Structure formats: C-alpha cells, structure tokens
C-alpha cells in the first residue's frame, strides 16, 4: 500500500490506533511464509493486482467488443447490401417482366380489338344481308301468295270454263246424238 492509501485509512484515528494498525500490517507482512497473516497478505495482494488489472482488462474487453461489433456491423452491412442488391436485381427483373407482360397484354388487347372491329363489321354486313334477304323473302312470299291466288283464280276460271265447255260439248254431243237418232229413226221408220 502507498503511504497515501495508509493516510486515508488512518484519517480520524488516534495515534495509538495508527500505531496498532502499523504494527498489525507489519506483523502480517513479515513472518513465516505459511502463517495466516502472510497468506492473507498474499491473497489481498493478488486481489489488489487483479483489481488493478480490471480497468485494463475492461478496456481490452471494450476494445475487443468494439472490434467484434465493428466486424459484425461490417458483415451485417455486407449481408444487407448483398440482400439489398439481390432484392434490387429481383425487383428489377420483376419490373421488367411486368412491363413485358403489360406490353404483350396491350398488343394482344389491340389485336383482339382489331379482330372485334372486323367481326363487328362482318356482323353488320351479315345483318344487312339478312335483313335484305328477309325483305326479299317477304316480298317473294307476298308475290308468291299473290301469284298463288291469281293461279287459283285462273285455275278456277279454267275449271269453270272447262266445266261449261264440257257441259256445252256434252249438250252439243247429246243434241247431235239426238239429231242423229231422230234422223236415223226417221229413215228407219220410213
């Protein structure tokens, strides 16, 4: 112990107490190697050495922790940067894929729209043709019905004429036969 440490230890002590402390320390420090005071002094000295080395050990530990922490930060930054760059690459690839998909979808939609417009034009033409055909069909149907009525009328007229002709012919034949019969009967009876 330094004298300053002993002075601090001896503050507020009487002279007798200071002398006793000096003797006690001297007895403990001097004497056979294996007596209790010497062992205690050695143990105390070892403890003081350890206590004295603690700040240096703590400083070394702090430096080692700072080194390890710096290395950990460096590795974490490298991992984070690697992850960030990999994520950025994947994000860029995904963005490119989405842009390509959007372009392809837009082109496909435009082609479909063109085909739909063509289909609409064809549908309008087909509709117009069907309406024209329906109108023509209705006209043909109406004219056919009209012609059927006319044909029926002509047929009826012909049948009426034929019936009259048959009747007139039959009457003429009958009259002719009657006339021959009378003539033959007249010559026969005479």
Protein backbone atom coordinates (compact mmCIF):
# COMPACT_ATOMS: atom_id res chain seq x y z
CA UNK A 1 0.00 0.00 0.00
CA UNK A 2 1.15 3.51 -0.65
CA UNK A 3 1.59 5.98 2.14
CA UNK A 4 -1.29 7.99 0.75
CA UNK A 5 -3.56 4.96 0.98
CA UNK A 6 -2.44 4.39 4.57
CA UNK A 7 -3.05 8.04 5.37
CA UNK A 8 -6.58 7.79 4.00
CA UNK A 9 -7.10 4.62 6.04
CA UNK A 10 -5.80 6.30 9.18
CA UNK A 11 -7.83 9.51 8.99
CA UNK A 12 -9.91 10.17 12.07
CA UNK A 13 -7.83 7.68 14.11
CA UNK A 14 -5.94 8.37 17.28
CA UNK A 15 -2.19 7.98 17.45
CA UNK A 16 -2.50 4.69 19.34
CA UNK A 17 -4.86 3.29 16.73
CA UNK A 18 -2.48 4.35 13.95
CA UNK A 19 0.42 2.64 15.76
CA UNK A 20 -1.59 -0.52 16.23
CA UNK A 21 -2.53 -0.54 12.57
CA UNK A 22 1.12 -0.09 11.59
CA UNK A 23 2.17 -2.98 13.84
CA UNK A 24 -0.60 -5.18 12.56
CA UNK A 25 0.32 -4.51 8.97
CA UNK A 26 3.99 -5.06 9.75
CA UNK A 27 3.27 -8.37 11.51
CA UNK A 28 1.13 -9.52 8.70
CA UNK A 29 3.63 -8.54 6.09
CA UNK A 30 6.64 -10.05 7.89
CA UNK A 31 6.89 -13.53 9.33
CA UNK A 32 6.96 -17.15 8.24
CA UNK A 33 5.70 -17.88 4.77
CA UNK A 34 2.87 -20.15 5.77
CA UNK A 35 1.33 -18.13 8.63
CA UNK A 36 -2.14 -16.71 8.24
CA UNK A 37 -1.20 -13.03 8.01
CA UNK A 38 1.30 -13.72 5.22
CA UNK A 39 -1.21 -15.88 3.34
CA UNK A 40 -3.88 -13.20 3.82
CA UNK A 41 -1.45 -10.50 2.69
CA UNK A 42 -0.57 -12.57 -0.41
CA UNK A 43 -4.23 -13.16 -1.11
CA UNK A 44 -5.01 -9.48 -0.61
CA UNK A 45 -2.05 -8.51 -2.82
CA UNK A 46 -3.30 -10.92 -5.53
CA UNK A 47 -6.75 -9.43 -5.21
CA UNK A 48 -5.33 -5.92 -5.48
CA UNK A 49 -3.35 -6.95 -8.57
CA UNK A 50 -6.47 -8.43 -10.11
CA UNK A 51 -8.44 -5.34 -9.12
CA UNK A 52 -5.70 -3.16 -10.61
CA UNK A 53 -5.77 -5.17 -13.85
CA UNK A 54 -9.56 -4.93 -14.13
CA UNK A 55 -9.69 -1.49 -15.77
CA UNK A 56 -7.10 -2.59 -18.32
CA UNK A 57 -8.99 -5.89 -18.88
CA UNK A 58 -12.23 -3.98 -19.17
CA UNK A 59 -10.61 -1.60 -21.64
CA UNK A 60 -9.24 -4.57 -23.60
CA UNK A 61 -12.67 -6.22 -23.46
CA UNK A 62 -14.30 -2.99 -24.59
CA UNK A 63 -11.84 -2.74 -27.49
CA UNK A 64 -12.41 -6.41 -28.36
CA UNK A 65 -16.18 -5.92 -28.18
CA UNK A 66 -15.86 -2.80 -30.35
CA UNK A 67 -13.74 -4.75 -32.83
CA UNK A 68 -16.23 -7.61 -32.85
CA UNK A 69 -19.09 -5.17 -33.08
CA UNK A 70 -17.36 -3.34 -35.95
CA UNK A 71 -16.79 -6.68 -37.70
CA UNK A 72 -20.40 -7.64 -37.02
CA UNK A 73 -21.54 -4.29 -38.42
CA UNK A 74 -19.29 -4.72 -41.46
CA UNK A 75 -20.63 -8.24 -42.05
CA UNK A 76 -24.20 -7.10 -41.41
CA UNK A 77 -23.69 -4.23 -43.84
CA UNK A 78 -22.22 -6.63 -46.41
CA UNK A 79 -25.14 -9.05 -45.92
CA UNK A 80 -27.63 -6.19 -46.01
CA UNK A 81 -26.00 -4.73 -49.12
CA UNK A 82 -25.95 -8.18 -50.72
CA UNK A 83 -29.58 -8.72 -49.78
CA UNK A 84 -30.43 -5.22 -50.95
CA UNK A 85 -28.65 -5.68 -54.26
CA UNK A 86 -30.21 -9.15 -54.73
CA UNK A 87 -33.61 -7.72 -53.84
CA UNK A 88 -33.00 -4.81 -56.23
CA UNK A 89 -31.99 -7.22 -59.01
CA UNK A 90 -35.08 -9.35 -58.37
CA UNK A 91 -37.23 -6.22 -58.19
CA UNK A 92 -35.77 -5.01 -61.49
CA UNK A 93 -36.34 -8.44 -63.06
CA UNK A 94 -39.90 -8.48 -61.76
CA UNK A 95 -40.43 -4.93 -63.00
CA UNK A 96 -39.06 -5.88 -66.44
CA UNK A 97 -41.23 -9.00 -66.50
CA UNK A 98 -44.30 -6.95 -65.54
CA UNK A 99 -43.51 -4.31 -68.18
CA UNK A 100 -43.03 -7.03 -70.81
CA UNK A 101 -46.28 -8.69 -69.70
CA UNK A 102 -48.06 -5.33 -69.86
CA UNK A 103 -46.74 -4.69 -73.38
CA UNK A 104 -47.71 -8.18 -74.54
CA UNK A 105 -51.13 -7.80 -72.94
CA UNK A 106 -51.59 -4.42 -74.61
CA UNK A 107 -50.56 -5.79 -78.02
CA UNK A 108 -52.87 -8.75 -77.55
CA UNK A 109 -55.69 -6.44 -76.50
CA UNK A 110 -55.09 -4.29 -79.57
CA UNK A 111 -55.13 -7.36 -81.83
CA UNK A 112 -58.31 -8.58 -80.15
CA UNK A 113 -59.84 -5.10 -80.59
CA UNK A 114 -58.95 -5.15 -84.31
CA UNK A 115 -60.49 -8.60 -84.65
CA UNK A 116 -63.57 -7.46 -82.72
CA UNK A 117 -63.90 -4.45 -85.02
CA UNK A 118 -63.57 -6.77 -88.05
CA UNK A 119 -66.13 -9.12 -86.51
CA UNK A 120 -68.48 -6.19 -85.87
CA UNK A 121 -68.12 -5.06 -89.50
CA UNK A 122 -68.80 -8.61 -90.71
CA UNK A 123 -71.74 -8.88 -88.31
CA UNK A 124 -73.18 -5.60 -89.62
CA UNK A 125 -72.77 -6.82 -93.20
CA UNK A 126 -74.36 -10.16 -92.33
CA UNK A 127 -77.17 -8.32 -90.55
CA UNK A 128 -77.73 -6.07 -93.56
CA UNK A 129 -77.65 -9.07 -95.90
CA UNK A 130 -80.02 -10.98 -93.64
CA UNK A 131 -82.37 -8.01 -93.44
CA UNK A 132 -82.20 -7.64 -97.22
CA UNK A 133 -82.74 -11.37 -97.64
CA UNK A 134 -85.64 -11.28 -95.16
CA UNK A 135 -87.16 -8.35 -97.01
CA UNK A 136 -86.65 -10.13 -100.34
CA UNK A 137 -88.09 -13.30 -98.81
CA UNK A 138 -91.13 -11.40 -97.56
CA UNK A 139 -91.52 -9.78 -100.99
CA UNK A 140 -91.14 -13.17 -102.71
CA UNK A 141 -93.53 -14.73 -100.22
CA UNK A 142 -96.09 -11.95 -100.77
CA UNK A 143 -95.70 -12.15 -104.56
CA UNK A 144 -95.87 -15.95 -104.39
CA UNK A 145 -99.06 -15.74 -102.35
CA UNK A 146 -100.42 -13.19 -104.82
CA UNK A 147 -99.39 -15.39 -107.74
CA UNK A 148 -100.91 -18.42 -106.00
CA UNK A 149 -104.18 -16.53 -105.61
CA UNK A 150 -104.01 -15.47 -109.25
CA UNK A 151 -103.17 -19.03 -110.27
CA UNK A 152 -106.02 -20.30 -108.14
CA UNK A 153 -108.30 -17.73 -109.75
CA UNK A 154 -107.08 -18.70 -113.21
CA UNK A 155 -107.46 -22.36 -112.28
CA UNK A 156 -110.96 -21.72 -111.02
CA UNK A 157 -111.74 -19.74 -114.17
CA UNK A 158 -110.31 -22.54 -116.29
CA UNK A 159 -112.25 -25.12 -114.38
CA UNK A 160 -115.38 -23.06 -114.77
CA UNK A 161 -114.68 -22.68 -118.49
CA UNK A 162 -113.85 -26.34 -118.79
CA UNK A 163 -116.99 -27.27 -116.94
CA UNK A 164 -119.01 -25.04 -119.24
CA UNK A 165 -117.23 -26.38 -122.27
CA UNK A 166 -117.75 -29.94 -121.09
CA UNK A 167 -121.36 -29.13 -120.44
CA UNK A 168 -121.72 -27.40 -123.78
CA UNK A 169 -119.91 -30.19 -125.59
CA UNK A 170 -121.91 -32.77 -123.77
CA UNK A 171 -125.06 -30.86 -124.67
CA UNK A 172 -123.82 -30.48 -128.24
CA UNK A 173 -122.94 -34.17 -128.41
CA UNK A 174 -126.25 -35.02 -126.85
CA UNK A 175 -128.08 -32.79 -129.30
CA UNK A 176 -126.03 -34.19 -132.11
CA UNK A 177 -126.75 -37.73 -130.97
CA UNK A 178 -130.38 -36.81 -130.59
CA UNK A 179 -130.34 -35.27 -134.05
CA UNK A 180 -128.73 -38.45 -135.50
CA UNK A 181 -131.12 -40.51 -133.54
CA UNK A 182 -134.04 -38.60 -134.96
CA UNK A 183 -132.64 -38.76 -138.44
CA UNK A 184 -131.85 -42.44 -138.14
CA UNK A 185 -135.25 -43.00 -136.58
CA UNK A 186 -136.86 -41.08 -139.33
CA UNK A 187 -135.12 -43.10 -142.02
CA UNK A 188 -135.65 -46.20 -140.12
CA UNK A 189 -139.26 -45.79 -139.80
CA UNK A 190 -139.78 -44.94 -143.31
